[in-house]
């Protein structure tokens, strides 16, 4: 299989998330920078290899044709499409789009910052940053609601099976997809809830992170709506690399949702369950205190595809 980008690398203490839009005539520069991004990450990360600097680059649906259409013979990844807004009876998952995405992470924020700066300098005049978020680890991998995030991530051989495109789309084997959203939390409302009500809404014990029995979960519990199966009853997994973010002075407390998968339909089904309900009307209880403000989908090419696109 072609070499994948480091989508399966371990969770870290810090991250920088960048979303960019193409500038007119910037396609060739973007193609070159995406090909160089793995090498730039290695060079900067070598200053402190223990900090595990990595970078994953993604490209949006419209930008894919502009950047890679001339070098791919017009072929496209089967699952690549614009993220579609999900409008439920009460809550909405907006679609805000984007052409290029960088997920930069390490055990130290300074390495993330350095790589982000170098990438954006190289892209000046070719792509414009429209969203930049700095994420951080909060205690023992908890979100700002106080619950551990990412407990059900796949492990071992199940990681590649869930994340990496294979024989189902052989021209893009080794690639992946990523969906991103930002959620802002009303912590005053959340903290006013009794812990047992919080646990019922999430579907887990707050301190131990142990999942509650189904009969103790509230209708619309987050874990119930986001645990989905295929037609044969096999659970469908994604990899969540979520990070808290915020600005204390502005009263902004958020979670940057980032989910990797070989089939974006899996995450989209989870989101429909959350925002529309399963059954319809039983929406995610966390949305009563959390509001989605962004939404985008990107294809993550393999390293081989990135490098092959540049002579």
Protein backbone atom coordinates (compact mmCIF):
# COMPACT_ATOMS: atom_id res chain seq x y z
CA UNK A 1 0.00 0.00 0.00
CA UNK A 2 1.24 3.56 -0.65
CA UNK A 3 2.65 5.36 2.37
CA UNK A 4 -0.14 7.14 4.26
CA UNK A 5 0.20 10.49 5.93
CA UNK A 6 0.46 10.23 9.76
CA UNK A 7 -3.29 10.07 10.35
CA UNK A 8 -2.76 7.23 12.84
CA UNK A 9 -0.10 9.01 14.92
CA UNK A 10 -0.80 9.15 18.68
CA UNK A 11 -2.71 11.96 20.35
CA UNK A 12 -0.46 14.81 21.51
CA UNK A 13 -0.49 17.72 23.93
CA UNK A 14 -0.75 20.49 21.34
CA UNK A 15 -2.08 21.10 17.84
CA UNK A 16 -2.56 23.84 15.28
CA UNK A 17 -5.44 23.55 12.82
CA UNK A 18 -5.34 25.65 9.64
CA UNK A 19 -8.04 26.01 6.97
CA UNK A 20 -7.11 27.89 3.81
CA UNK A 21 -8.79 28.94 0.58
CA UNK A 22 -7.11 28.99 -2.82
CA UNK A 23 -6.09 32.27 -4.40
CA UNK A 24 -6.37 32.71 -8.16
CA UNK A 25 -3.43 31.06 -9.89
CA UNK A 26 -2.17 29.40 -6.71
CA UNK A 27 -2.77 25.79 -7.73
CA UNK A 28 0.84 24.91 -8.65
CA UNK A 29 2.27 26.42 -5.47
CA UNK A 30 -0.28 24.59 -3.34
CA UNK A 31 0.57 21.32 -5.07
CA UNK A 32 4.28 21.88 -4.41
CA UNK A 33 3.83 22.83 -0.75
CA UNK A 34 1.59 19.84 -0.06
CA UNK A 35 4.28 17.59 -1.53
CA UNK A 36 6.94 19.25 0.63
CA UNK A 37 4.91 19.28 3.88
CA UNK A 38 6.06 15.82 5.11
CA UNK A 39 9.71 16.77 4.61
CA UNK A 40 9.23 20.12 6.33
CA UNK A 41 7.67 18.35 9.31
CA UNK A 42 10.60 15.93 9.51
CA UNK A 43 13.16 18.75 9.35
CA UNK A 44 11.51 20.86 12.05
CA UNK A 45 10.64 17.86 14.19
CA UNK A 46 14.24 16.64 14.16
CA UNK A 47 15.09 19.46 16.58
CA UNK A 48 13.25 17.48 19.25
CA UNK A 49 12.27 14.03 18.05
CA UNK A 50 10.71 13.19 21.42
CA UNK A 51 8.04 15.86 20.75
CA UNK A 52 6.61 13.77 17.85
CA UNK A 53 5.82 16.59 15.43
CA UNK A 54 3.57 15.50 12.57
CA UNK A 55 1.48 17.13 9.86
CA UNK A 56 -1.52 15.87 7.93
CA UNK A 57 -2.58 17.81 4.84
CA UNK A 58 -6.04 17.61 3.30
CA UNK A 59 -7.68 19.08 0.22
CA UNK A 60 -11.31 20.04 -0.34
CA UNK A 61 -13.62 18.90 -3.11
CA UNK A 62 -13.51 22.00 -5.33
CA UNK A 63 -9.79 22.52 -4.81
CA UNK A 64 -8.99 18.91 -5.68
CA UNK A 65 -9.94 19.42 -9.31
CA UNK A 66 -8.04 22.69 -9.49
CA UNK A 67 -4.87 21.40 -7.81
CA UNK A 68 -4.74 17.78 -8.95
CA UNK A 69 -7.07 17.58 -11.93
CA UNK A 70 -4.30 18.12 -14.48
CA UNK A 71 -2.03 15.48 -12.94
CA UNK A 72 -4.58 12.82 -12.04
CA UNK A 73 -6.22 12.36 -15.41
CA UNK A 74 -9.48 13.70 -14.07
CA UNK A 75 -9.95 10.88 -11.53
CA UNK A 76 -11.21 11.75 -8.07
CA UNK A 77 -11.43 9.96 -4.72
CA UNK A 78 -14.79 8.22 -4.60
CA UNK A 79 -15.82 9.72 -1.26
CA UNK A 80 -14.74 13.31 -1.85
CA UNK A 81 -17.58 15.84 -1.84
CA UNK A 82 -18.39 19.12 -0.13
CA UNK A 83 -19.55 18.84 3.46
CA UNK A 84 -23.33 19.29 3.45
CA UNK A 85 -25.15 21.31 6.10
CA UNK A 86 -27.27 19.17 8.42
CA UNK A 87 -30.32 21.07 9.59
CA UNK A 88 -32.33 19.36 12.27
CA UNK A 89 -35.51 20.40 14.07
CA UNK A 90 -33.55 22.39 16.66
CA UNK A 91 -29.83 22.22 15.87
CA UNK A 92 -27.76 22.82 12.73
CA UNK A 93 -24.35 21.57 11.66
CA UNK A 94 -23.19 24.33 9.29
CA UNK A 95 -21.04 23.83 6.22
CA UNK A 96 -18.27 26.44 6.09
CA UNK A 97 -15.96 24.75 3.60
CA UNK A 98 -12.31 25.28 2.84
CA UNK A 99 -9.81 24.26 0.17
CA UNK A 100 -6.73 23.18 2.12
CA UNK A 101 -6.42 21.85 5.66
CA UNK A 102 -3.40 21.27 7.87
CA UNK A 103 -3.53 19.29 11.10
CA UNK A 104 -0.22 19.94 12.85
CA UNK A 105 0.39 18.29 16.20
CA UNK A 106 3.20 17.63 18.68
CA UNK A 107 3.94 17.38 22.37
CA UNK A 108 5.11 21.02 22.23
CA UNK A 109 3.20 23.96 20.76
CA UNK A 110 6.37 25.74 19.61
CA UNK A 111 7.08 23.05 17.01
CA UNK A 112 3.50 23.23 15.76
CA UNK A 113 3.75 27.01 15.53
CA UNK A 114 7.03 26.87 13.63
CA UNK A 115 5.69 24.45 11.03
CA UNK A 116 2.45 26.41 10.65
CA UNK A 117 4.44 29.59 10.08
CA UNK A 118 6.68 27.94 7.47
CA UNK A 119 3.77 26.45 5.58
CA UNK A 120 1.80 29.68 5.46
CA UNK A 121 4.89 31.62 4.36
CA UNK A 122 5.37 29.22 1.46
CA UNK A 123 1.68 29.54 0.55
CA UNK A 124 1.56 33.34 0.67
CA UNK A 125 -0.22 34.58 -2.45
CA UNK A 126 -1.38 31.06 -3.33
CA UNK A 127 -3.70 30.24 -0.42
CA UNK A 128 -5.15 32.37 2.36
CA UNK A 129 -5.70 31.26 5.95
CA UNK A 130 -9.38 31.67 6.83
CA UNK A 131 -9.35 29.80 10.14
CA UNK A 132 -6.59 29.10 12.66
CA UNK A 133 -7.14 27.30 15.96
CA UNK A 134 -4.57 26.28 18.57
CA UNK A 135 -5.61 23.20 20.52
CA UNK A 136 -4.29 21.87 23.81
CA UNK A 137 -4.56 18.75 25.92
CA UNK A 138 -6.78 19.29 28.94
CA UNK A 139 -5.71 17.16 31.91
CA UNK A 140 -6.06 13.43 31.12
CA UNK A 141 -7.38 13.90 27.56
CA UNK A 142 -10.66 15.45 28.71
CA UNK A 143 -12.73 18.00 26.86
CA UNK A 144 -13.77 21.24 28.51
CA UNK A 145 -17.01 19.56 29.59
CA UNK A 146 -14.86 17.37 31.84
CA UNK A 147 -15.23 14.05 30.01
CA UNK A 148 -12.48 11.95 28.41
CA UNK A 149 -12.55 12.36 24.62
CA UNK A 150 -11.64 9.65 22.11
CA UNK A 151 -12.15 6.59 24.32
CA UNK A 152 -13.57 4.45 21.51
CA UNK A 153 -10.78 5.14 19.00
CA UNK A 154 -9.71 1.95 17.21
CA UNK A 155 -6.42 0.31 18.20
CA UNK A 156 -3.98 -2.09 16.58
CA UNK A 157 -4.83 -3.43 13.14
CA UNK A 158 -8.31 -1.94 13.42
CA UNK A 159 -6.82 1.55 12.96
CA UNK A 160 -5.68 1.06 9.38
CA UNK A 161 -8.85 -0.87 8.55
CA UNK A 162 -11.03 2.04 9.69
CA UNK A 163 -8.94 4.94 8.38
CA UNK A 164 -7.08 4.01 5.20
CA UNK A 165 -8.62 3.64 1.76
CA UNK A 166 -7.89 0.22 0.27
CA UNK A 167 -9.15 -1.96 -2.54
CA UNK A 168 -12.55 -0.25 -2.54
CA UNK A 169 -10.90 2.74 -4.31
CA UNK A 170 -7.50 1.39 -5.44
CA UNK A 171 -6.40 4.52 -7.27
CA UNK A 172 -6.38 6.35 -3.93
CA UNK A 173 -5.19 3.54 -1.64
CA UNK A 174 -3.37 4.81 1.42
CA UNK A 175 -5.44 7.96 1.50
CA UNK A 176 -8.09 8.92 4.02
CA UNK A 177 -10.78 11.51 4.72
CA UNK A 178 -11.16 13.98 7.54
CA UNK A 179 -14.19 15.92 8.74
CA UNK A 180 -13.71 18.92 11.03
CA UNK A 181 -16.11 20.96 13.13
CA UNK A 182 -15.77 23.51 15.90
CA UNK A 183 -18.17 23.33 18.84
CA UNK A 184 -18.61 26.15 21.35
CA UNK A 185 -19.85 25.16 24.82
CA UNK A 186 -22.10 27.00 27.26
CA UNK A 187 -20.15 26.00 30.34
CA UNK A 188 -22.38 27.94 32.70
CA UNK A 189 -25.39 25.89 31.61
CA UNK A 190 -23.38 22.66 31.63
CA UNK A 191 -21.89 23.19 35.07
CA UNK A 192 -25.34 23.99 36.46
CA UNK A 193 -26.38 20.41 35.66
CA UNK A 194 -25.99 17.67 38.25
CA UNK A 195 -23.15 15.30 37.44
CA UNK A 196 -25.53 12.37 37.07
CA UNK A 197 -27.47 14.31 34.42
CA UNK A 198 -24.23 15.12 32.61
CA UNK A 199 -23.28 11.44 32.68
CA UNK A 200 -26.69 10.42 31.31
CA UNK A 201 -26.32 12.94 28.47
CA UNK A 202 -22.84 11.72 27.53
CA UNK A 203 -23.44 8.04 28.33
CA UNK A 204 -20.32 7.63 30.49
CA UNK A 205 -19.25 8.08 34.09
CA UNK A 206 -17.46 11.39 34.37
CA UNK A 207 -14.60 10.36 36.63
CA UNK A 208 -13.89 6.79 35.53
CA UNK A 209 -14.91 7.17 31.83
CA UNK A 210 -16.72 3.82 32.01
CA UNK A 211 -19.69 3.61 29.64
CA UNK A 212 -23.10 3.49 31.32
CA UNK A 213 -25.57 0.66 30.76
CA UNK A 214 -28.09 1.55 28.07
CA UNK A 215 -30.92 1.84 30.59
CA UNK A 216 -29.02 4.57 32.46
CA UNK A 217 -28.42 6.73 29.38
CA UNK A 218 -30.74 9.59 28.59
CA UNK A 219 -32.67 9.54 25.30
CA UNK A 220 -30.28 11.17 22.87
CA UNK A 221 -27.16 10.23 24.85
CA UNK A 222 -24.07 11.09 22.82
CA UNK A 223 -22.51 7.63 22.97
CA UNK A 224 -25.74 5.98 21.84
CA UNK A 225 -26.17 8.20 18.79
CA UNK A 226 -22.55 7.99 17.67
CA UNK A 227 -22.20 4.21 18.06
CA UNK A 228 -23.30 2.86 14.68
CA UNK A 229 -23.10 -0.49 12.90
CA UNK A 230 -23.06 -1.76 9.33
CA UNK A 231 -25.76 -4.02 7.90
CA UNK A 232 -24.01 -7.08 9.39
CA UNK A 233 -23.96 -5.66 12.90
CA UNK A 234 -20.27 -4.72 12.92
CA UNK A 235 -19.48 -1.49 14.74
CA UNK A 236 -18.11 1.24 12.47
CA UNK A 237 -15.10 3.03 13.91
CA UNK A 238 -13.48 6.39 13.24
CA UNK A 239 -10.43 8.03 14.79
CA UNK A 240 -11.15 11.16 16.80
CA UNK A 241 -8.22 13.52 17.40
CA UNK A 242 -10.31 16.20 19.13
CA UNK A 243 -8.69 19.05 21.04
CA UNK A 244 -10.02 21.71 23.42
CA UNK A 245 -9.51 25.34 22.46
CA UNK A 246 -10.70 28.69 23.75
CA UNK A 247 -10.19 32.30 24.73
CA UNK A 248 -10.88 32.96 28.38
CA UNK A 249 -11.31 36.73 27.99
CA UNK A 250 -14.02 36.18 25.37
CA UNK A 251 -15.73 33.44 27.34
CA UNK A 252 -15.03 31.03 24.47
CA UNK A 253 -14.71 27.37 25.42
CA UNK A 254 -14.73 24.87 22.62
CA UNK A 255 -13.93 21.46 21.18
CA UNK A 256 -12.29 21.07 17.79
CA UNK A 257 -13.80 17.88 16.40
CA UNK A 258 -11.54 16.13 13.91
CA UNK A 259 -12.50 12.68 12.68
CA UNK A 260 -10.50 10.48 10.30
CA UNK A 261 -12.12 7.69 8.29
CA UNK A 262 -11.81 5.81 5.01
CA UNK A 263 -15.52 6.48 4.38
CA UNK A 264 -16.87 9.95 5.21
CA UNK A 265 -20.37 8.51 5.14
CA UNK A 266 -19.67 6.93 8.54
CA UNK A 267 -19.09 10.30 10.23
CA UNK A 268 -21.92 11.92 8.28
CA UNK A 269 -24.29 9.24 9.57
CA UNK A 270 -23.14 9.93 13.14
CA UNK A 271 -23.75 13.63 12.63
CA UNK A 272 -27.23 13.05 11.22
CA UNK A 273 -28.02 10.99 14.31
CA UNK A 274 -26.79 13.86 16.49
CA UNK A 275 -28.53 16.74 14.71
CA UNK A 276 -31.68 15.05 13.35
CA UNK A 277 -32.01 12.18 15.78
CA UNK A 278 -32.27 8.41 15.77
CA UNK A 279 -35.19 8.08 15.86
CA UNK A 280 -35.84 11.53 14.35
CA UNK A 281 -36.38 14.14 17.05
CA UNK A 282 -34.16 12.41 19.60
CA UNK A 283 -31.21 14.73 19.09
CA UNK A 284 -27.89 14.67 20.91
CA UNK A 285 -28.26 15.98 24.46
CA UNK A 286 -24.83 17.62 24.23
CA UNK A 287 -26.18 19.98 21.57
CA UNK A 288 -28.26 21.63 24.27
CA UNK A 289 -25.02 23.19 25.56
CA UNK A 290 -22.78 22.88 22.47
CA UNK A 291 -23.16 24.75 19.17
CA UNK A 292 -21.42 23.77 15.94
CA UNK A 293 -19.92 26.79 14.18
CA UNK A 294 -17.92 25.23 11.32
CA UNK A 295 -17.96 22.13 9.15
CA UNK A 296 -15.78 20.86 6.30
CA UNK A 297 -14.63 17.64 4.63
CA UNK A 298 -11.20 17.02 3.11
CA UNK A 299 -9.47 14.20 1.28
CA UNK A 300 -6.09 13.23 2.77
CA UNK A 301 -3.83 11.96 -0.04
CA UNK A 302 -1.14 9.38 0.57
CA UNK A 303 2.45 10.65 0.74
CA UNK A 304 3.07 8.86 -2.56
CA UNK A 305 0.24 10.75 -4.25
CA UNK A 306 1.45 14.09 -2.90
CA UNK A 307 4.98 13.52 -4.15
CA UNK A 308 3.95 12.02 -7.50
CA UNK A 309 1.97 15.17 -8.34
CA UNK A 310 5.16 17.25 -8.51
CA UNK A 311 7.73 16.48 -11.26
